[in-house]
Structures are given as structure tokens and as C-alpha cells.
N, C-alpha and C. Protein backbone atom coordinates (compact mmCIF):
# COMPACT_ATOMS: atom_id res chain seq x y z
N MET A 1 -261.63 -62.60 -12.69
CA MET A 1 -261.03 -61.33 -13.04
C MET A 1 -259.89 -61.61 -14.02
N ASN A 2 -259.91 -60.89 -15.12
CA ASN A 2 -258.82 -61.08 -16.07
C ASN A 2 -257.60 -60.25 -15.67
N ARG A 3 -256.53 -60.45 -16.40
CA ARG A 3 -255.26 -59.82 -16.06
C ARG A 3 -255.36 -58.30 -16.10
N ARG A 4 -256.01 -57.75 -17.09
CA ARG A 4 -256.15 -56.30 -17.23
C ARG A 4 -256.93 -55.72 -16.04
N GLN A 5 -258.01 -56.36 -15.64
CA GLN A 5 -258.79 -55.90 -14.50
C GLN A 5 -257.97 -55.98 -13.21
N PHE A 6 -257.20 -57.07 -13.08
CA PHE A 6 -256.36 -57.24 -11.89
C PHE A 6 -255.32 -56.13 -11.79
N ILE A 7 -254.66 -55.82 -12.90
CA ILE A 7 -253.64 -54.76 -12.91
C ILE A 7 -254.29 -53.42 -12.62
N ALA A 8 -255.41 -53.12 -13.24
CA ALA A 8 -256.10 -51.85 -13.00
C ALA A 8 -256.52 -51.73 -11.53
N ALA A 9 -257.05 -52.81 -10.97
CA ALA A 9 -257.47 -52.79 -9.57
C ALA A 9 -256.27 -52.62 -8.65
N SER A 10 -255.17 -53.27 -8.96
CA SER A 10 -253.96 -53.17 -8.14
C SER A 10 -253.40 -51.76 -8.16
N VAL A 11 -253.33 -51.17 -9.37
CA VAL A 11 -252.81 -49.80 -9.49
C VAL A 11 -253.74 -48.83 -8.77
N SER A 12 -255.05 -48.96 -8.97
CA SER A 12 -256.01 -48.07 -8.30
C SER A 12 -255.92 -48.22 -6.79
N GLY A 13 -255.82 -49.44 -6.32
CA GLY A 13 -255.69 -49.68 -4.88
C GLY A 13 -254.42 -49.07 -4.32
N GLY A 14 -253.34 -49.24 -5.05
CA GLY A 14 -252.06 -48.66 -4.61
C GLY A 14 -252.11 -47.15 -4.55
N ILE A 15 -252.75 -46.55 -5.54
CA ILE A 15 -252.89 -45.09 -5.55
C ILE A 15 -253.73 -44.63 -4.36
N LEU A 16 -254.85 -45.32 -4.11
CA LEU A 16 -255.71 -44.94 -2.99
C LEU A 16 -255.00 -45.11 -1.65
N ILE A 17 -254.24 -46.18 -1.50
CA ILE A 17 -253.49 -46.38 -0.27
C ILE A 17 -252.43 -45.29 -0.13
N GLY A 18 -251.75 -44.98 -1.21
CA GLY A 18 -250.74 -43.92 -1.17
C GLY A 18 -251.33 -42.57 -0.82
N ILE A 19 -252.46 -42.24 -1.42
CA ILE A 19 -253.13 -40.96 -1.12
C ILE A 19 -253.59 -40.96 0.34
N GLY A 20 -254.18 -42.05 0.77
CA GLY A 20 -254.65 -42.15 2.15
C GLY A 20 -253.51 -42.04 3.15
N SER A 21 -252.42 -42.71 2.88
CA SER A 21 -251.25 -42.64 3.76
C SER A 21 -250.66 -41.24 3.76
N GLY A 22 -250.56 -40.65 2.59
CA GLY A 22 -250.05 -39.28 2.50
C GLY A 22 -250.94 -38.31 3.24
N TYR A 23 -252.25 -38.47 3.11
CA TYR A 23 -253.19 -37.59 3.82
C TYR A 23 -253.04 -37.76 5.32
N ALA A 24 -252.94 -39.00 5.79
CA ALA A 24 -252.78 -39.26 7.22
C ALA A 24 -251.47 -38.67 7.72
N TRP A 25 -250.39 -38.81 6.95
CA TRP A 25 -249.10 -38.28 7.38
C TRP A 25 -249.16 -36.76 7.44
N VAL A 26 -249.73 -36.12 6.43
CA VAL A 26 -249.79 -34.66 6.40
C VAL A 26 -250.66 -34.13 7.52
N ASN A 27 -251.71 -34.82 7.89
CA ASN A 27 -252.63 -34.33 8.90
C ASN A 27 -252.31 -34.83 10.30
N ASP A 28 -251.13 -35.36 10.50
CA ASP A 28 -250.73 -35.88 11.81
C ASP A 28 -249.61 -35.05 12.40
N GLY A 29 -249.48 -33.80 12.03
CA GLY A 29 -248.38 -32.97 12.50
C GLY A 29 -248.84 -31.97 13.54
N LEU A 30 -248.05 -30.93 13.69
CA LEU A 30 -248.31 -29.88 14.65
C LEU A 30 -248.77 -28.63 13.93
N ASP A 31 -249.39 -27.72 14.67
CA ASP A 31 -249.80 -26.43 14.12
C ASP A 31 -248.54 -25.63 13.80
N VAL A 32 -248.29 -25.39 12.53
CA VAL A 32 -247.07 -24.71 12.10
C VAL A 32 -246.96 -23.34 12.76
N ASN A 33 -248.08 -22.69 13.03
CA ASN A 33 -248.05 -21.36 13.66
C ASN A 33 -247.51 -21.40 15.08
N LYS A 34 -247.56 -22.56 15.72
CA LYS A 34 -247.04 -22.70 17.09
C LYS A 34 -245.59 -23.17 17.11
N LEU A 35 -245.06 -23.51 15.95
CA LEU A 35 -243.68 -24.00 15.87
C LEU A 35 -242.73 -22.81 15.73
N THR A 36 -242.58 -22.09 16.83
CA THR A 36 -241.73 -20.90 16.84
C THR A 36 -240.57 -21.11 17.80
N ILE A 37 -239.53 -20.36 17.59
CA ILE A 37 -238.39 -20.44 18.49
C ILE A 37 -238.79 -19.96 19.88
N ASP A 38 -239.64 -18.95 19.97
CA ASP A 38 -240.10 -18.49 21.29
C ASP A 38 -240.78 -19.63 22.05
N ASN A 39 -241.66 -20.38 21.38
CA ASN A 39 -242.32 -21.52 22.04
C ASN A 39 -241.33 -22.63 22.37
N ALA A 40 -240.36 -22.84 21.51
CA ALA A 40 -239.33 -23.86 21.79
C ALA A 40 -238.52 -23.45 23.02
N LEU A 41 -238.20 -22.17 23.15
CA LEU A 41 -237.45 -21.71 24.31
C LEU A 41 -238.25 -21.90 25.60
N ILE A 42 -239.54 -21.67 25.55
CA ILE A 42 -240.40 -21.90 26.72
C ILE A 42 -240.35 -23.38 27.10
N THR A 43 -240.49 -24.25 26.10
CA THR A 43 -240.44 -25.70 26.36
C THR A 43 -239.09 -26.09 26.96
N LEU A 44 -238.01 -25.57 26.40
CA LEU A 44 -236.68 -25.92 26.90
C LEU A 44 -236.47 -25.37 28.31
N ASP A 45 -236.94 -24.16 28.57
CA ASP A 45 -236.85 -23.61 29.93
C ASP A 45 -237.60 -24.48 30.92
N ASN A 46 -238.76 -24.99 30.50
CA ASN A 46 -239.55 -25.87 31.37
C ASN A 46 -238.83 -27.20 31.62
N LEU A 47 -238.08 -27.68 30.63
CA LEU A 47 -237.32 -28.93 30.81
C LEU A 47 -236.24 -28.78 31.87
N ALA A 48 -235.70 -27.57 31.99
CA ALA A 48 -234.61 -27.33 32.93
C ALA A 48 -235.01 -27.64 34.37
N ASP A 49 -236.31 -27.54 34.68
CA ASP A 49 -236.80 -27.78 36.04
C ASP A 49 -237.31 -29.20 36.26
N LYS A 50 -237.23 -30.03 35.24
CA LYS A 50 -237.81 -31.37 35.31
C LYS A 50 -236.70 -32.43 35.27
N THR A 51 -237.05 -33.61 35.68
CA THR A 51 -236.14 -34.74 35.53
C THR A 51 -236.52 -35.42 34.21
N VAL A 52 -235.59 -35.38 33.28
CA VAL A 52 -235.85 -35.95 31.95
C VAL A 52 -234.81 -37.01 31.63
N THR A 53 -235.20 -37.94 30.80
CA THR A 53 -234.30 -38.99 30.34
C THR A 53 -234.46 -39.17 28.84
N SER A 54 -233.51 -39.84 28.27
CA SER A 54 -233.58 -40.18 26.85
C SER A 54 -234.04 -41.63 26.73
N THR A 55 -234.92 -41.86 25.77
CA THR A 55 -235.38 -43.22 25.50
C THR A 55 -234.73 -43.80 24.25
N GLY A 56 -233.84 -43.03 23.63
CA GLY A 56 -233.21 -43.46 22.39
C GLY A 56 -231.75 -43.84 22.58
N GLN A 57 -231.04 -43.91 21.47
CA GLN A 57 -229.63 -44.30 21.49
C GLN A 57 -228.75 -43.20 22.08
N TRP A 58 -229.12 -41.95 21.88
CA TRP A 58 -228.34 -40.83 22.39
C TRP A 58 -228.81 -40.44 23.78
N ASN A 59 -227.87 -40.00 24.62
CA ASN A 59 -228.26 -39.45 25.90
C ASN A 59 -228.64 -37.97 25.73
N LEU A 60 -229.10 -37.35 26.79
CA LEU A 60 -229.57 -35.96 26.70
C LEU A 60 -228.47 -35.00 26.27
N TYR A 61 -227.25 -35.22 26.75
CA TYR A 61 -226.13 -34.38 26.34
C TYR A 61 -225.98 -34.41 24.82
N GLN A 62 -226.01 -35.59 24.25
CA GLN A 62 -225.84 -35.73 22.80
C GLN A 62 -227.00 -35.10 22.04
N ILE A 63 -228.23 -35.29 22.52
CA ILE A 63 -229.40 -34.73 21.83
C ILE A 63 -229.33 -33.20 21.84
N PHE A 64 -229.13 -32.62 23.02
CA PHE A 64 -229.11 -31.15 23.11
C PHE A 64 -227.92 -30.56 22.37
N SER A 65 -226.76 -31.22 22.44
CA SER A 65 -225.58 -30.73 21.73
C SER A 65 -225.79 -30.79 20.22
N HIS A 66 -226.37 -31.88 19.75
CA HIS A 66 -226.66 -32.04 18.32
C HIS A 66 -227.61 -30.94 17.83
N ALA A 67 -228.66 -30.68 18.59
CA ALA A 67 -229.63 -29.66 18.20
C ALA A 67 -228.98 -28.27 18.21
N ALA A 68 -228.16 -27.99 19.22
CA ALA A 68 -227.45 -26.71 19.29
C ALA A 68 -226.50 -26.57 18.10
N GLN A 69 -225.80 -27.65 17.81
CA GLN A 69 -224.86 -27.65 16.69
C GLN A 69 -225.56 -27.31 15.38
N SER A 70 -226.73 -27.87 15.17
CA SER A 70 -227.49 -27.60 13.96
C SER A 70 -227.86 -26.12 13.85
N VAL A 71 -228.29 -25.54 14.96
CA VAL A 71 -228.63 -24.12 14.96
C VAL A 71 -227.38 -23.28 14.68
N GLU A 72 -226.29 -23.62 15.34
CA GLU A 72 -225.04 -22.88 15.15
C GLU A 72 -224.56 -22.97 13.70
N TYR A 73 -224.64 -24.16 13.12
CA TYR A 73 -224.20 -24.32 11.73
C TYR A 73 -225.05 -23.51 10.76
N SER A 74 -226.30 -23.25 11.09
CA SER A 74 -227.12 -22.43 10.19
C SER A 74 -226.56 -21.02 10.07
N MET A 75 -225.80 -20.61 11.09
CA MET A 75 -225.21 -19.26 11.08
C MET A 75 -223.75 -19.27 10.60
N THR A 76 -223.05 -20.38 10.83
CA THR A 76 -221.61 -20.41 10.51
C THR A 76 -221.27 -21.26 9.28
N GLY A 77 -222.15 -22.18 8.91
CA GLY A 77 -221.91 -23.06 7.77
C GLY A 77 -221.74 -24.50 8.19
N TYR A 78 -222.34 -25.40 7.45
CA TYR A 78 -222.25 -26.84 7.73
C TYR A 78 -220.95 -27.37 7.14
N PRO A 79 -220.33 -28.34 7.81
CA PRO A 79 -219.04 -28.86 7.33
C PRO A 79 -219.13 -29.61 6.00
N LEU A 80 -220.19 -30.37 5.79
CA LEU A 80 -220.37 -31.12 4.54
C LEU A 80 -221.78 -30.92 4.02
N HIS A 81 -221.93 -31.00 2.70
CA HIS A 81 -223.23 -30.82 2.08
C HIS A 81 -223.57 -31.97 1.16
N LYS A 82 -224.86 -32.20 1.02
CA LYS A 82 -225.34 -33.08 -0.05
C LYS A 82 -225.08 -32.34 -1.37
N SER A 83 -225.19 -33.04 -2.48
CA SER A 83 -224.96 -32.40 -3.78
C SER A 83 -226.02 -31.32 -4.04
N ASP A 84 -225.69 -30.39 -4.90
CA ASP A 84 -226.67 -29.36 -5.28
C ASP A 84 -227.90 -29.99 -5.91
N THR A 85 -227.70 -31.05 -6.67
CA THR A 85 -228.84 -31.76 -7.27
C THR A 85 -229.75 -32.30 -6.17
N PHE A 86 -229.17 -32.92 -5.15
CA PHE A 86 -229.97 -33.43 -4.03
C PHE A 86 -230.71 -32.29 -3.35
N LYS A 87 -230.00 -31.22 -3.01
CA LYS A 87 -230.62 -30.11 -2.28
C LYS A 87 -231.76 -29.49 -3.09
N ASN A 88 -231.59 -29.41 -4.41
CA ASN A 88 -232.60 -28.77 -5.25
C ASN A 88 -233.76 -29.67 -5.63
N THR A 89 -233.66 -30.94 -5.30
CA THR A 89 -234.75 -31.87 -5.61
C THR A 89 -235.28 -32.51 -4.32
N VAL A 90 -234.63 -33.56 -3.88
CA VAL A 90 -235.07 -34.31 -2.71
C VAL A 90 -235.11 -33.41 -1.47
N GLY A 91 -234.07 -32.60 -1.28
CA GLY A 91 -233.99 -31.73 -0.11
C GLY A 91 -235.13 -30.73 -0.05
N LYS A 92 -235.38 -30.06 -1.17
CA LYS A 92 -236.47 -29.08 -1.21
C LYS A 92 -237.83 -29.75 -1.03
N LEU A 93 -238.00 -30.91 -1.64
CA LEU A 93 -239.25 -31.65 -1.50
C LEU A 93 -239.46 -32.09 -0.05
N ALA A 94 -238.41 -32.60 0.59
CA ALA A 94 -238.53 -33.02 1.98
C ALA A 94 -238.87 -31.85 2.88
N PHE A 95 -238.17 -30.73 2.71
CA PHE A 95 -238.46 -29.57 3.56
C PHE A 95 -239.88 -29.07 3.33
N SER A 96 -240.31 -29.08 2.10
CA SER A 96 -241.68 -28.66 1.78
C SER A 96 -242.71 -29.56 2.47
N ALA A 97 -242.48 -30.87 2.41
CA ALA A 97 -243.40 -31.82 3.05
C ALA A 97 -243.38 -31.63 4.57
N PHE A 98 -242.20 -31.49 5.16
CA PHE A 98 -242.10 -31.29 6.60
C PHE A 98 -242.79 -30.00 7.01
N SER A 99 -242.58 -28.94 6.24
CA SER A 99 -243.17 -27.64 6.56
C SER A 99 -244.69 -27.68 6.48
N THR A 100 -245.20 -28.36 5.47
CA THR A 100 -246.64 -28.49 5.31
C THR A 100 -247.24 -29.25 6.47
N LYS A 101 -246.57 -30.29 6.87
CA LYS A 101 -247.05 -31.14 7.96
C LYS A 101 -246.81 -30.53 9.33
N GLY A 102 -245.74 -29.76 9.47
CA GLY A 102 -245.36 -29.26 10.78
C GLY A 102 -244.63 -30.31 11.58
N LYS A 103 -244.03 -31.25 10.88
CA LYS A 103 -243.33 -32.34 11.57
C LYS A 103 -242.21 -32.87 10.68
N MET A 104 -241.06 -33.03 11.29
CA MET A 104 -239.90 -33.57 10.59
C MET A 104 -239.63 -34.97 11.11
N ILE A 105 -239.16 -35.82 10.23
CA ILE A 105 -238.69 -37.13 10.66
C ILE A 105 -237.29 -37.34 10.07
N HIS A 106 -236.40 -37.82 10.92
CA HIS A 106 -235.05 -38.14 10.47
C HIS A 106 -234.45 -39.12 11.46
N GLY A 107 -233.34 -39.71 11.11
CA GLY A 107 -232.66 -40.64 12.01
C GLY A 107 -232.19 -39.91 13.26
N LEU A 108 -232.71 -40.30 14.41
CA LEU A 108 -232.46 -39.55 15.64
C LEU A 108 -231.09 -39.81 16.26
N SER A 109 -230.31 -40.67 15.66
CA SER A 109 -228.94 -40.85 16.15
C SER A 109 -227.94 -40.64 15.01
N GLU A 110 -228.34 -39.86 14.03
CA GLU A 110 -227.45 -39.53 12.91
C GLU A 110 -226.81 -38.17 13.15
N GLU A 111 -225.49 -38.16 13.14
CA GLU A 111 -224.77 -36.90 13.30
C GLU A 111 -224.96 -36.04 12.05
N ILE A 112 -224.73 -34.77 12.20
CA ILE A 112 -224.70 -33.86 11.06
C ILE A 112 -223.47 -34.24 10.25
N PRO A 113 -223.60 -34.40 8.93
CA PRO A 113 -222.45 -34.83 8.12
C PRO A 113 -221.22 -33.93 8.34
N GLY A 114 -220.11 -34.56 8.68
CA GLY A 114 -218.86 -33.85 8.87
C GLY A 114 -218.69 -33.21 10.23
N ALA A 115 -219.71 -33.27 11.07
CA ALA A 115 -219.62 -32.67 12.40
C ALA A 115 -218.86 -33.60 13.33
N PRO A 116 -218.19 -33.02 14.33
CA PRO A 116 -217.49 -33.88 15.30
C PRO A 116 -218.47 -34.79 16.04
N LEU A 117 -218.03 -35.99 16.34
CA LEU A 117 -218.86 -36.93 17.08
C LEU A 117 -218.94 -36.51 18.54
N PHE A 118 -220.07 -36.82 19.17
CA PHE A 118 -220.26 -36.47 20.57
C PHE A 118 -219.94 -37.67 21.46
N GLU A 119 -219.26 -37.39 22.54
CA GLU A 119 -219.06 -38.41 23.56
C GLU A 119 -220.35 -38.50 24.37
N LYS A 120 -220.50 -39.60 25.10
CA LYS A 120 -221.67 -39.75 25.97
C LYS A 120 -221.35 -39.13 27.33
N ARG A 121 -221.28 -37.81 27.36
CA ARG A 121 -221.01 -37.10 28.62
C ARG A 121 -222.29 -36.94 29.42
N ASP A 122 -222.11 -36.61 30.70
CA ASP A 122 -223.26 -36.45 31.59
C ASP A 122 -223.65 -35.00 31.82
N ASP A 123 -223.20 -34.10 30.99
CA ASP A 123 -223.48 -32.68 31.17
C ASP A 123 -224.71 -32.25 30.38
N ALA A 124 -225.84 -32.87 30.67
CA ALA A 124 -227.08 -32.54 29.95
C ALA A 124 -227.47 -31.09 30.21
N LYS A 125 -227.29 -30.62 31.43
CA LYS A 125 -227.65 -29.24 31.79
C LYS A 125 -226.84 -28.24 30.95
N GLY A 126 -225.53 -28.48 30.84
CA GLY A 126 -224.68 -27.60 30.04
C GLY A 126 -225.07 -27.62 28.57
N ALA A 127 -225.40 -28.80 28.06
CA ALA A 127 -225.81 -28.92 26.66
C ALA A 127 -227.15 -28.23 26.43
N LEU A 128 -228.07 -28.33 27.40
CA LEU A 128 -229.36 -27.65 27.29
C LEU A 128 -229.15 -26.14 27.28
N LEU A 129 -228.27 -25.64 28.13
CA LEU A 129 -227.99 -24.20 28.14
C LEU A 129 -227.37 -23.76 26.82
N ARG A 130 -226.51 -24.60 26.24
CA ARG A 130 -225.92 -24.30 24.92
C ARG A 130 -227.01 -24.22 23.86
N LEU A 131 -227.95 -25.16 23.90
CA LEU A 131 -229.05 -25.17 22.94
C LEU A 131 -229.90 -23.92 23.08
N ILE A 132 -230.24 -23.57 24.30
CA ILE A 132 -231.05 -22.36 24.54
C ILE A 132 -230.31 -21.14 24.01
N GLN A 133 -229.01 -21.04 24.30
CA GLN A 133 -228.24 -19.89 23.83
C GLN A 133 -228.15 -19.86 22.31
N SER A 134 -228.00 -21.02 21.68
CA SER A 134 -227.91 -21.05 20.22
C SER A 134 -229.20 -20.54 19.58
N LEU A 135 -230.34 -20.88 20.18
CA LEU A 135 -231.62 -20.40 19.64
C LEU A 135 -231.77 -18.90 19.84
N LYS A 136 -231.32 -18.39 20.98
CA LYS A 136 -231.36 -16.94 21.22
C LYS A 136 -230.42 -16.23 20.25
N ASP A 137 -229.24 -16.80 20.03
CA ASP A 137 -228.29 -16.22 19.07
C ASP A 137 -228.90 -16.21 17.67
N PHE A 138 -229.59 -17.29 17.31
CA PHE A 138 -230.22 -17.36 15.99
C PHE A 138 -231.27 -16.25 15.86
N GLN A 139 -232.07 -16.04 16.90
CA GLN A 139 -233.09 -14.99 16.84
C GLN A 139 -232.47 -13.62 16.60
N GLN A 140 -231.30 -13.38 17.17
CA GLN A 140 -230.64 -12.07 17.05
C GLN A 140 -229.77 -11.96 15.81
N PHE A 141 -229.53 -13.06 15.14
CA PHE A 141 -228.60 -13.09 14.01
C PHE A 141 -229.12 -12.25 12.86
N ALA A 142 -228.29 -11.34 12.38
CA ALA A 142 -228.70 -10.45 11.28
C ALA A 142 -227.89 -10.69 10.01
N GLY A 143 -226.95 -11.63 10.05
CA GLY A 143 -226.11 -11.90 8.89
C GLY A 143 -226.79 -12.83 7.90
N GLU A 144 -226.02 -13.20 6.90
CA GLU A 144 -226.52 -14.14 5.88
C GLU A 144 -226.43 -15.55 6.43
N LEU A 145 -227.54 -16.27 6.36
CA LEU A 145 -227.57 -17.65 6.85
C LEU A 145 -226.90 -18.57 5.84
N ALA A 146 -226.25 -19.58 6.37
CA ALA A 146 -225.57 -20.57 5.53
C ALA A 146 -226.60 -21.53 4.94
N PRO A 147 -226.38 -22.03 3.73
CA PRO A 147 -227.30 -23.03 3.18
C PRO A 147 -227.32 -24.27 4.07
N HIS A 148 -228.48 -24.87 4.18
CA HIS A 148 -228.62 -26.12 4.93
C HIS A 148 -227.96 -27.24 4.14
N PHE A 149 -227.36 -28.17 4.84
CA PHE A 149 -226.61 -29.23 4.16
C PHE A 149 -227.49 -30.12 3.28
N ALA A 150 -228.79 -30.21 3.57
CA ALA A 150 -229.68 -31.06 2.78
C ALA A 150 -230.77 -30.26 2.08
N TYR A 151 -231.25 -29.17 2.70
CA TYR A 151 -232.38 -28.41 2.15
C TYR A 151 -231.94 -27.25 1.26
N GLY A 152 -230.68 -26.87 1.33
CA GLY A 152 -230.19 -25.74 0.54
C GLY A 152 -230.50 -24.42 1.22
N VAL A 153 -230.71 -23.40 0.40
CA VAL A 153 -230.94 -22.05 0.91
C VAL A 153 -232.32 -21.97 1.56
N LEU A 154 -232.33 -21.48 2.80
CA LEU A 154 -233.58 -21.27 3.53
C LEU A 154 -233.62 -19.83 4.04
N SER A 155 -234.82 -19.28 4.09
CA SER A 155 -234.99 -17.97 4.69
C SER A 155 -234.86 -18.11 6.21
N LYS A 156 -234.80 -17.01 6.92
CA LYS A 156 -234.70 -17.07 8.37
C LYS A 156 -235.94 -17.74 8.97
N ASP A 157 -237.11 -17.40 8.45
CA ASP A 157 -238.34 -18.03 8.94
C ASP A 157 -238.34 -19.53 8.67
N GLU A 158 -237.90 -19.92 7.47
CA GLU A 158 -237.84 -21.35 7.14
C GLU A 158 -236.84 -22.07 8.05
N TYR A 159 -235.70 -21.43 8.28
CA TYR A 159 -234.71 -22.03 9.16
C TYR A 159 -235.26 -22.16 10.58
N GLY A 160 -235.95 -21.13 11.05
CA GLY A 160 -236.55 -21.19 12.38
C GLY A 160 -237.50 -22.37 12.49
N LEU A 161 -238.34 -22.53 11.48
CA LEU A 161 -239.26 -23.67 11.46
C LEU A 161 -238.49 -24.99 11.43
N ALA A 162 -237.45 -25.06 10.61
CA ALA A 162 -236.65 -26.30 10.52
C ALA A 162 -236.03 -26.63 11.88
N HIS A 163 -235.49 -25.62 12.57
CA HIS A 163 -234.87 -25.86 13.87
C HIS A 163 -235.90 -26.38 14.89
N VAL A 164 -237.07 -25.78 14.89
CA VAL A 164 -238.09 -26.19 15.86
C VAL A 164 -238.64 -27.58 15.52
N MET A 165 -238.87 -27.86 14.24
CA MET A 165 -239.31 -29.21 13.87
C MET A 165 -238.25 -30.24 14.24
N HIS A 166 -236.98 -29.88 14.04
CA HIS A 166 -235.87 -30.76 14.39
C HIS A 166 -235.91 -31.08 15.89
N LEU A 167 -236.10 -30.05 16.70
CA LEU A 167 -236.21 -30.25 18.15
C LEU A 167 -237.38 -31.17 18.49
N HIS A 168 -238.52 -30.89 17.90
CA HIS A 168 -239.71 -31.70 18.19
C HIS A 168 -239.49 -33.16 17.80
N ASN A 169 -238.77 -33.39 16.72
CA ASN A 169 -238.48 -34.77 16.33
C ASN A 169 -237.63 -35.44 17.41
N HIS A 170 -236.65 -34.72 17.94
CA HIS A 170 -235.82 -35.29 19.02
C HIS A 170 -236.59 -35.42 20.33
N PHE A 171 -237.60 -34.58 20.52
CA PHE A 171 -238.43 -34.70 21.73
C PHE A 171 -239.15 -36.04 21.76
N ASP A 172 -239.28 -36.70 20.61
CA ASP A 172 -239.89 -38.04 20.59
C ASP A 172 -239.11 -39.02 21.45
N GLU A 173 -237.83 -38.73 21.70
CA GLU A 173 -237.00 -39.63 22.50
C GLU A 173 -236.62 -39.02 23.86
N ILE A 174 -237.36 -38.02 24.29
CA ILE A 174 -237.12 -37.42 25.60
C ILE A 174 -238.36 -37.66 26.45
N SER A 175 -238.13 -38.19 27.63
CA SER A 175 -239.22 -38.54 28.53
C SER A 175 -239.06 -37.79 29.85
N ILE A 176 -240.15 -37.20 30.32
CA ILE A 176 -240.15 -36.56 31.64
C ILE A 176 -240.48 -37.63 32.67
N VAL A 177 -239.58 -37.75 33.64
CA VAL A 177 -239.72 -38.80 34.66
C VAL A 177 -240.61 -38.31 35.79
């Protein structure tokens, strides 16, 4: 094989692997139609009756508080934002990919930029109730939503989807005992 054939084969192989990986990632998500706040509330209500643990770096208090904080900030405003250039390029592309897939991925122990840090408290029940209330408040919210710190301006439906995908991503580190 000469150099030109090798380069062409390498580029073609890389493209096929990229397309295949992208296809697998896009088709490995959840049904977007089921990613509703109502369904999330049912799931959270069911968690209240179960013994659950965290398998990640954060305990349940931190996970539920972080998720509640994210919902609350969508109504009140995030403390820090990525640049407008980031939000209008990478942020919009990421949200579009997550929305298409029905699945979000992010660092599960990363605080919201500028948000207060959480202590490792043992009040998981209180944090879960806060999360449930924040989602109910979001459903009833009729004001103008604050831009997301990374995705920029989102509609209420888009924000609802983002909140539920965010929860599902954190559910990856929650185990029912």
C-alpha cells in the first residue's frame, strides 16, 4: 500500500468509526417524550419510599441539592456564565445533541459555576423534598426564565427537558439497596 492509499484508508476508517460511534451514542438514550417533569416527579416520589445510596463522589444530599439548585437557578439566574461565544456555539451544539439523544452527560461531581459548595450532610430526605418542590415550582413558573449558564436561552420545554436529563444523568450514581 502506498502512502496515498494508506492516508485515504485511515481517513475513511476514522470517518466510519466516528459515524458509527456517533450513531451508537445517539441511539443509546431515552425516549424524549417520556423525559417530562411529571415522570421525574413520579420517580422521585418512588425514591422517597426506598433505601437508596450514592455510588459516586457525592452523597445523596449533595446530588439532590445540586439538582434542585439547577432548577432554581433556571428561574432566578445562574451566578456565573460561560462566554456568549461558548453558549452560542459549543453550548447550543451540546444541548442539541443531548436533546436528540435524550441523554445528558456531564461531570457528576462538578458544582454549578459560582454556586455555593455543598457540605456532605446526611439530610438526603430534606434535599429530595427540596428537589421535588423546585420541580413543582418550575412547572408553575410563569415568569421569564434565566439563560442557562452553558446553553444560553432555553424555552420552558427545553429547560424542562434539560432538568430531567440532568436528573437522569445523576441517577447513574444512585443505587436502590
